[in-house]
């Protein structure tokens, strides 16, 4: 049996998204797999290009969230929202 470390239940959304950094000069596509009010789980194939801090939008820039990387594993990254 796998132990669940999360204290907050995540909502599965599996949505395409954009993350950007360096004043929007760097842009990568990704897939947000799950989300809470405080963070998200993201699938990204170019993890080596991802900085520790970046911005994320998955609703066509209606909402932009500042993110900080908490963990990385394979093609997945867990982030905490900073705003």
PDB file of N, CA and C in Angstrom:
ATOM      1  N   UNK A   1       0.839  -1.170   0.000  1.00  0.00           N
ATOM      2  CA  UNK A   1       0.000   0.000   0.000  1.00  0.00           C
ATOM      3  C   UNK A   1       0.893   1.245   0.000  1.00  0.00           C
ATOM      4  N   UNK A   2       0.552   2.212  -0.844  1.00  0.00           N
ATOM      5  CA  UNK A   2       1.323   3.446  -0.934  1.00  0.00           C
ATOM      6  C   UNK A   2       0.789   4.462   0.062  1.00  0.00           C
ATOM      7  N   UNK A   3       1.689   5.127   0.780  1.00  0.00           N
ATOM      8  CA  UNK A   3       1.323   6.138   1.765  1.00  0.00           C
ATOM      9  C   UNK A   3       1.120   7.480   1.074  1.00  0.00           C
ATOM     10  N   UNK A   4      -0.001   8.129   1.295  1.00  0.00           N
ATOM     11  CA  UNK A   4      -0.302   9.436   0.709  1.00  0.00           C
ATOM     12  C   UNK A   4       0.221  10.522   1.631  1.00  0.00           C
ATOM     13  N   UNK A   5       1.176  11.336   1.137  1.00  0.00           N
ATOM     14  CA  UNK A   5       1.795  12.382   1.948  1.00  0.00           C
ATOM     15  C   UNK A   5       1.041  13.701   1.891  1.00  0.00           C
ATOM     16  N   UNK A   6       0.170  13.875   0.927  1.00  0.00           N
ATOM     17  CA  UNK A   6      -0.534  15.146   0.772  1.00  0.00           C
ATOM     18  C   UNK A   6      -1.571  15.324   1.876  1.00  0.00           C
ATOM     19  N   UNK A   7      -1.642  16.537   2.407  1.00  0.00           N
ATOM     20  CA  UNK A   7      -2.642  16.824   3.430  1.00  0.00           C
ATOM     21  C   UNK A   7      -3.905  17.424   2.818  1.00  0.00           C
ATOM     22  N   UNK A   8      -3.834  17.822   1.537  1.00  0.00           N
ATOM     23  CA  UNK A   8      -4.964  18.432   0.844  1.00  0.00           C
ATOM     24  C   UNK A   8      -5.324  17.554  -0.351  1.00  0.00           C
ATOM     25  N   UNK A   9      -6.595  17.318  -0.552  1.00  0.00           N
ATOM     26  CA  UNK A   9      -7.038  16.532  -1.701  1.00  0.00           C
ATOM     27  C   UNK A   9      -6.881  17.352  -2.972  1.00  0.00           C
ATOM     28  N   UNK A  10      -6.274  16.740  -3.976  1.00  0.00           N
ATOM     29  CA  UNK A  10      -6.074  17.412  -5.261  1.00  0.00           C
ATOM     30  C   UNK A  10      -7.227  17.098  -6.205  1.00  0.00           C
ATOM     31  N   UNK A  11      -7.561  18.069  -7.051  1.00  0.00           N
ATOM     32  CA  UNK A  11      -8.572  17.898  -8.086  1.00  0.00           C
ATOM     33  C   UNK A  11      -7.878  17.522  -9.381  1.00  0.00           C
ATOM     34  N   UNK A  12      -8.248  16.396  -9.957  1.00  0.00           N
ATOM     35  CA  UNK A  12      -7.666  15.961 -11.224  1.00  0.00           C
ATOM     36  C   UNK A  12      -8.274  16.801 -12.345  1.00  0.00           C
ATOM     37  N   UNK A  13      -7.404  17.461 -13.164  1.00  0.00           N
ATOM     38  CA  UNK A  13      -7.940  18.279 -14.251  1.00  0.00           C
ATOM     39  C   UNK A  13      -7.360  17.909 -15.614  1.00  0.00           C
ATOM     40  N   UNK A  14      -6.136  17.441 -15.678  1.00  0.00           N
ATOM     41  CA  UNK A  14      -5.485  17.026 -16.923  1.00  0.00           C
ATOM     42  C   UNK A  14      -5.724  18.032 -18.047  1.00  0.00           C
ATOM     43  N   UNK A  15      -5.194  19.268 -17.861  1.00  0.00           N
ATOM     44  CA  UNK A  15      -5.390  20.366 -18.802  1.00  0.00           C
ATOM     45  C   UNK A  15      -4.068  20.837 -19.372  1.00  0.00           C
ATOM     46  N   UNK A  16      -4.057  21.151 -20.672  1.00  0.00           N
ATOM     47  CA  UNK A  16      -2.876  21.761 -21.272  1.00  0.00           C
ATOM     48  C   UNK A  16      -2.676  23.151 -20.697  1.00  0.00           C
ATOM     49  N   UNK A  17      -1.418  23.559 -20.568  1.00  0.00           N
ATOM     50  CA  UNK A  17      -1.102  24.849 -19.965  1.00  0.00           C
ATOM     51  C   UNK A  17       0.191  25.397 -20.550  1.00  0.00           C
ATOM     52  N   UNK A  18       0.462  26.654 -20.224  1.00  0.00           N
ATOM     53  CA  UNK A  18       1.726  27.292 -20.584  1.00  0.00           C
ATOM     54  C   UNK A  18       2.427  27.716 -19.317  1.00  0.00           C
ATOM     55  N   UNK A  19       3.732  27.515 -19.280  1.00  0.00           N
ATOM     56  CA  UNK A  19       4.521  28.090 -18.204  1.00  0.00           C
ATOM     57  C   UNK A  19       5.574  28.977 -18.837  1.00  0.00           C
ATOM     58  N   UNK A  20       5.856  30.076 -18.162  1.00  0.00           N
ATOM     59  CA  UNK A  20       6.787  31.042 -18.737  1.00  0.00           C
ATOM     60  C   UNK A  20       7.681  31.615 -17.653  1.00  0.00           C
ATOM     61  N   UNK A  21       8.847  32.097 -18.092  1.00  0.00           N
ATOM     62  CA  UNK A  21       9.873  32.582 -17.178  1.00  0.00           C
ATOM     63  C   UNK A  21      10.747  33.567 -17.925  1.00  0.00           C
ATOM     64  N   UNK A  22      11.689  34.201 -17.231  1.00  0.00           N
ATOM     65  CA  UNK A  22      12.573  35.215 -17.823  1.00  0.00           C
ATOM     66  C   UNK A  22      11.770  36.307 -18.510  1.00  0.00           C
ATOM     67  N   UNK A  23      10.819  36.895 -17.780  1.00  0.00           N
ATOM     68  CA  UNK A  23       9.988  37.982 -18.310  1.00  0.00           C
ATOM     69  C   UNK A  23       9.302  37.567 -19.607  1.00  0.00           C
ATOM     70  N   UNK A  24       8.800  36.352 -19.646  1.00  0.00           N
ATOM     71  CA  UNK A  24       8.055  35.758 -20.758  1.00  0.00           C
ATOM     72  C   UNK A  24       8.908  35.450 -21.984  1.00  0.00           C
ATOM     73  N   UNK A  25      10.227  35.523 -21.872  1.00  0.00           N
ATOM     74  CA  UNK A  25      11.082  35.124 -23.001  1.00  0.00           C
ATOM     75  C   UNK A  25      11.138  33.613 -23.124  1.00  0.00           C
ATOM     76  N   UNK A  26      11.020  32.905 -22.012  1.00  0.00           N
ATOM     77  CA  UNK A  26      10.999  31.442 -22.041  1.00  0.00           C
ATOM     78  C   UNK A  26       9.576  30.951 -21.865  1.00  0.00           C
ATOM     79  N   UNK A  27       9.092  30.146 -22.796  1.00  0.00           N
ATOM     80  CA  UNK A  27       7.733  29.605 -22.730  1.00  0.00           C
ATOM     81  C   UNK A  27       7.791  28.112 -23.041  1.00  0.00           C
ATOM     82  N   UNK A  28       7.136  27.302 -22.212  1.00  0.00           N
ATOM     83  CA  UNK A  28       7.061  25.856 -22.418  1.00  0.00           C
ATOM     84  C   UNK A  28       5.608  25.410 -22.305  1.00  0.00           C
ATOM     85  N   UNK A  29       5.234  24.422 -23.090  1.00  0.00           N
ATOM     86  CA  UNK A  29       3.910  23.824 -22.930  1.00  0.00           C
ATOM     87  C   UNK A  29       4.015  22.678 -21.933  1.00  0.00           C
ATOM     88  N   UNK A  30       2.946  22.457 -21.210  1.00  0.00           N
ATOM     89  CA  UNK A  30       2.917  21.389 -20.218  1.00  0.00           C
ATOM     90  C   UNK A  30       1.484  20.914 -20.052  1.00  0.00           C
ATOM     91  N   UNK A  31       1.292  19.964 -19.159  1.00  0.00           N
ATOM     92  CA  UNK A  31      -0.047  19.468 -18.837  1.00  0.00           C
ATOM     93  C   UNK A  31      -0.185  19.475 -17.318  1.00  0.00           C
ATOM     94  N   UNK A  32      -1.156  20.237 -16.835  1.00  0.00           N
ATOM     95  CA  UNK A  32      -1.449  20.261 -15.400  1.00  0.00           C
ATOM     96  C   UNK A  32      -2.326  19.049 -15.115  1.00  0.00           C
ATOM     97  N   UNK A  33      -1.806  18.127 -14.317  1.00  0.00           N
ATOM     98  CA  UNK A  33      -2.529  16.882 -14.026  1.00  0.00           C
ATOM     99  C   UNK A  33      -3.515  17.044 -12.873  1.00  0.00           C
ATOM    100  N   UNK A  34      -3.091  17.768 -11.834  1.00  0.00           N
ATOM    101  CA  UNK A  34      -3.955  17.969 -10.679  1.00  0.00           C
ATOM    102  C   UNK A  34      -3.623  19.300 -10.029  1.00  0.00           C
ATOM    103  N   UNK A  35      -4.561  19.804  -9.230  1.00  0.00           N
ATOM    104  CA  UNK A  35      -4.402  21.142  -8.667  1.00  0.00           C
ATOM    105  C   UNK A  35      -5.119  21.244  -7.319  1.00  0.00           C
ATOM    106  N   UNK A  36      -4.582  22.124  -6.461  1.00  0.00           N
ATOM    107  CA  UNK A  36      -5.243  22.535  -5.218  1.00  0.00           C
ATOM    108  C   UNK A  36      -5.159  24.054  -5.166  1.00  0.00           C
ATOM    109  N   UNK A  37      -5.626  24.643  -4.087  1.00  0.00           N
ATOM    110  CA  UNK A  37      -5.470  26.092  -3.917  1.00  0.00           C
ATOM    111  C   UNK A  37      -4.017  26.481  -3.696  1.00  0.00           C
ATOM    112  N   UNK A  38      -3.183  25.524  -3.265  1.00  0.00           N
ATOM    113  CA  UNK A  38      -1.799  25.862  -2.925  1.00  0.00           C
ATOM    114  C   UNK A  38      -0.749  25.325  -3.887  1.00  0.00           C
ATOM    115  N   UNK A  39      -1.143  24.500  -4.875  1.00  0.00           N
ATOM    116  CA  UNK A  39      -0.137  23.967  -5.788  1.00  0.00           C
ATOM    117  C   UNK A  39      -0.720  23.083  -6.866  1.00  0.00           C
ATOM    118  N   UNK A  40       0.189  22.464  -7.647  1.00  0.00           N
ATOM    119  CA  UNK A  40      -0.246  21.630  -8.767  1.00  0.00           C
ATOM    120  C   UNK A  40       0.789  20.565  -9.078  1.00  0.00           C
ATOM    121  N   UNK A  41       0.330  19.529  -9.750  1.00  0.00           N
ATOM    122  CA  UNK A  41       1.198  18.503 -10.311  1.00  0.00           C
ATOM    123  C   UNK A  41       1.220  18.690 -11.815  1.00  0.00           C
ATOM    124  N   UNK A  42       2.413  18.797 -12.396  1.00  0.00           N
ATOM    125  CA  UNK A  42       2.560  19.145 -13.806  1.00  0.00           C
ATOM    126  C   UNK A  42       3.393  18.092 -14.518  1.00  0.00           C
ATOM    127  N   UNK A  43       2.964  17.734 -15.730  1.00  0.00           N
ATOM    128  CA  UNK A  43       3.740  16.852 -16.598  1.00  0.00           C
ATOM    129  C   UNK A  43       4.421  17.717 -17.649  1.00  0.00           C
ATOM    130  N   UNK A  44       5.739  17.546 -17.774  1.00  0.00           N
ATOM    131  CA  UNK A  44       6.532  18.372 -18.681  1.00  0.00           C
ATOM    132  C   UNK A  44       7.686  17.539 -19.204  1.00  0.00           C
ATOM    133  N   UNK A  45       7.830  17.466 -20.519  1.00  0.00           N
ATOM    134  CA  UNK A  45       8.874  16.625 -21.105  1.00  0.00           C
ATOM    135  C   UNK A  45      10.239  17.303 -21.145  1.00  0.00           C
ATOM    136  N   UNK A  46      10.306  18.612 -20.969  1.00  0.00           N
ATOM    137  CA  UNK A  46      11.579  19.344 -20.993  1.00  0.00           C
ATOM    138  C   UNK A  46      11.943  19.836 -19.598  1.00  0.00           C
ATOM    139  N   UNK A  47      11.947  18.939 -18.616  1.00  0.00           N
ATOM    140  CA  UNK A  47      12.203  19.344 -17.230  1.00  0.00           C
ATOM    141  C   UNK A  47      13.550  20.018 -17.041  1.00  0.00           C
ATOM    142  N   UNK A  48      14.537  19.658 -17.845  1.00  0.00           N
ATOM    143  CA  UNK A  48      15.858  20.273 -17.687  1.00  0.00           C
ATOM    144  C   UNK A  48      15.840  21.753 -18.063  1.00  0.00           C
ATOM    145  N   UNK A  49      14.822  22.223 -18.782  1.00  0.00           N
ATOM    146  CA  UNK A  49      14.712  23.637 -19.148  1.00  0.00           C
ATOM    147  C   UNK A  49      13.952  24.456 -18.107  1.00  0.00           C
ATOM    148  N   UNK A  50      13.326  23.786 -17.160  1.00  0.00           N
ATOM    149  CA  UNK A  50      12.455  24.456 -16.200  1.00  0.00           C
ATOM    150  C   UNK A  50      13.248  25.060 -15.045  1.00  0.00           C
ATOM    151  N   UNK A  51      13.127  26.385 -14.825  1.00  0.00           N
ATOM    152  CA  UNK A  51      13.790  26.993 -13.667  1.00  0.00           C
ATOM    153  C   UNK A  51      13.007  26.690 -12.384  1.00  0.00           C
ATOM    154  N   UNK A  52      13.567  27.039 -11.247  1.00  0.00           N
ATOM    155  CA  UNK A  52      12.899  26.791  -9.964  1.00  0.00           C
ATOM    156  C   UNK A  52      11.657  27.657  -9.776  1.00  0.00           C
ATOM    157  N   UNK A  53      11.658  28.844 -10.361  1.00  0.00           N
ATOM    158  CA  UNK A  53      10.521  29.760 -10.249  1.00  0.00           C
ATOM    159  C   UNK A  53      10.041  30.132 -11.641  1.00  0.00           C
ATOM    160  N   UNK A  54       8.730  30.121 -11.826  1.00  0.00           N
ATOM    161  CA  UNK A  54       8.142  30.445 -13.124  1.00  0.00           C
ATOM    162  C   UNK A  54       6.683  30.824 -12.916  1.00  0.00           C
ATOM    163  N   UNK A  55       6.014  31.220 -13.998  1.00  0.00           N
ATOM    164  CA  UNK A  55       4.591  31.534 -13.952  1.00  0.00           C
ATOM    165  C   UNK A  55       3.832  30.520 -14.799  1.00  0.00           C
ATOM    166  N   UNK A  56       2.589  30.256 -14.423  1.00  0.00           N
ATOM    167  CA  UNK A  56       1.779  29.220 -15.059  1.00  0.00           C
ATOM    168  C   UNK A  56       0.386  29.761 -15.360  1.00  0.00           C
ATOM    169  N   UNK A  57      -0.139  29.431 -16.544  1.00  0.00           N
ATOM    170  CA  UNK A  57      -1.534  29.720 -16.862  1.00  0.00           C
ATOM    171  C   UNK A  57      -2.139  28.519 -17.569  1.00  0.00           C
ATOM    172  N   UNK A  58      -3.346  28.144 -17.183  1.00  0.00           N
ATOM    173  CA  UNK A  58      -4.044  27.073 -17.891  1.00  0.00           C
ATOM    174  C   UNK A  58      -5.455  27.501 -18.266  1.00  0.00           C
ATOM    175  N   UNK A  59      -5.703  28.820 -18.272  1.00  0.00           N
ATOM    176  CA  UNK A  59      -7.009  29.342 -18.686  1.00  0.00           C
ATOM    177  C   UNK A  59      -6.851  30.527 -19.641  1.00  0.00           C
ATOM    178  N   UNK A  60      -5.882  30.413 -20.560  1.00  0.00           N
ATOM    179  CA  UNK A  60      -5.655  31.429 -21.592  1.00  0.00           C
ATOM    180  C   UNK A  60      -5.350  32.807 -20.996  1.00  0.00           C
ATOM    181  N   UNK A  61      -4.525  32.836 -19.953  1.00  0.00           N
ATOM    182  CA  UNK A  61      -4.028  34.043 -19.310  1.00  0.00           C
ATOM    183  C   UNK A  61      -5.081  34.815 -18.516  1.00  0.00           C
ATOM    184  N   UNK A  62      -6.248  34.218 -18.249  1.00  0.00           N
ATOM    185  CA  UNK A  62      -7.197  34.869 -17.348  1.00  0.00           C
ATOM    186  C   UNK A  62      -6.653  34.845 -15.923  1.00  0.00           C
ATOM    187  N   UNK A  63      -5.940  33.768 -15.606  1.00  0.00           N
ATOM    188  CA  UNK A  63      -5.287  33.625 -14.310  1.00  0.00           C
ATOM    189  C   UNK A  63      -3.839  33.231 -14.545  1.00  0.00           C
ATOM    190  N   UNK A  64      -2.932  33.920 -13.877  1.00  0.00           N
ATOM    191  CA  UNK A  64      -1.507  33.583 -13.934  1.00  0.00           C
ATOM    192  C   UNK A  64      -1.051  33.348 -12.504  1.00  0.00           C
ATOM    193  N   UNK A  65      -0.425  32.196 -12.265  1.00  0.00           N
ATOM    194  CA  UNK A  65       0.050  31.857 -10.927  1.00  0.00           C
ATOM    195  C   UNK A  65       1.566  31.802 -10.903  1.00  0.00           C
ATOM    196  N   UNK A  66       2.176  32.454  -9.928  1.00  0.00           N
ATOM    197  CA  UNK A  66       3.617  32.326  -9.706  1.00  0.00           C
ATOM    198  C   UNK A  66       3.845  30.989  -9.014  1.00  0.00           C
ATOM    199  N   UNK A  67       4.846  30.232  -9.492  1.00  0.00           N
ATOM    200  CA  UNK A  67       5.091  28.883  -8.984  1.00  0.00           C
ATOM    201  C   UNK A  67       6.537  28.701  -8.546  1.00  0.00           C
ATOM    202  N   UNK A  68       6.720  27.805  -7.582  1.00  0.00           N
ATOM    203  CA  UNK A  68       8.044  27.388  -7.130  1.00  0.00           C
ATOM    204  C   UNK A  68       8.077  25.863  -7.141  1.00  0.00           C
ATOM    205  N   UNK A  69       9.116  25.298  -7.740  1.00  0.00           N
ATOM    206  CA  UNK A  69       9.248  23.842  -7.819  1.00  0.00           C
ATOM    207  C   UNK A  69       9.515  23.274  -6.425  1.00  0.00           C
ATOM    208  N   UNK A  70       8.741  22.246  -6.053  1.00  0.00           N
ATOM    209  CA  UNK A  70       8.897  21.563  -4.771  1.00  0.00           C
ATOM    210  C   UNK A  70       9.592  20.219  -4.965  1.00  0.00           C
ATOM    211  N   UNK A  71       9.217  19.484  -6.007  1.00  0.00           N
ATOM    212  CA  UNK A  71       9.842  18.189  -6.297  1.00  0.00           C
ATOM    213  C   UNK A  71       9.806  17.918  -7.793  1.00  0.00           C
ATOM    214  N   UNK A  72      10.709  17.040  -8.236  1.00  0.00           N
ATOM    215  CA  UNK A  72      10.777  16.580  -9.630  1.00  0.00           C
ATOM    216  C   UNK A  72      10.945  15.073  -9.613  1.00  0.00           C
ATOM    217  N   UNK A  73      10.245  14.397 -10.534  1.00  0.00           N
ATOM    218  CA  UNK A  73      10.388  12.946 -10.657  1.00  0.00           C
ATOM    219  C   UNK A  73       9.988  12.550 -12.079  1.00  0.00           C
ATOM    220  N   UNK A  74      10.958  12.073 -12.841  1.00  0.00           N
ATOM    221  CA  UNK A  74      10.687  11.712 -14.233  1.00  0.00           C
ATOM    222  C   UNK A  74      10.221  12.925 -15.015  1.00  0.00           C
ATOM    223  N   UNK A  75       9.070  12.803 -15.677  1.00  0.00           N
ATOM    224  CA  UNK A  75       8.491  13.913 -16.438  1.00  0.00           C
ATOM    225  C   UNK A  75       7.503  14.727 -15.609  1.00  0.00           C
ATOM    226  N   UNK A  76       7.507  14.541 -14.299  1.00  0.00           N
ATOM    227  CA  UNK A  76       6.541  15.223 -13.446  1.00  0.00           C
ATOM    228  C   UNK A  76       7.238  16.161 -12.465  1.00  0.00           C
ATOM    229  N   UNK A  77       6.538  17.238 -12.147  1.00  0.00           N
ATOM    230  CA  UNK A  77       7.046  18.216 -11.192  1.00  0.00           C
ATOM    231  C   UNK A  77       5.876  18.661 -10.308  1.00  0.00           C
ATOM    232  N   UNK A  78       6.153  18.845  -9.026  1.00  0.00           N
ATOM    233  CA  UNK A  78       5.168  19.389  -8.102  1.00  0.00           C
ATOM    234  C   UNK A  78       5.544  20.820  -7.786  1.00  0.00           C
ATOM    235  N   UNK A  79       4.565  21.717  -7.841  1.00  0.00           N
ATOM    236  CA  UNK A  79       4.846  23.132  -7.597  1.00  0.00           C
ATOM    237  C   UNK A  79       3.937  23.674  -6.503  1.00  0.00           C
ATOM    238  N   UNK A  80       4.433  24.699  -5.816  1.00  0.00           N
ATOM    239  CA  UNK A  80       3.642  25.450  -4.849  1.00  0.00           C
ATOM    240  C   UNK A  80       3.338  26.805  -5.462  1.00  0.00           C
ATOM    241  N   UNK A  81       2.088  27.255  -5.332  1.00  0.00           N
ATOM    242  CA  UNK A  81       1.721  28.580  -5.810  1.00  0.00           C
ATOM    243  C   UNK A  81       2.240  29.625  -4.833  1.00  0.00           C
ATOM    244  N   UNK A  82       2.787  30.699  -5.364  1.00  0.00           N
ATOM    245  CA  UNK A  82       3.384  31.744  -4.543  1.00  0.00           C
ATOM    246  C   UNK A  82       2.472  32.954  -4.357  1.00  0.00           C
ATOM    247  N   UNK A  83       1.375  33.041  -5.106  1.00  0.00           N
ATOM    248  CA  UNK A  83       0.479  34.201  -4.979  1.00  0.00           C
ATOM    249  C   UNK A  83      -0.937  33.763  -4.754  1.00  0.00           C
TER     250      UNK A  83
END
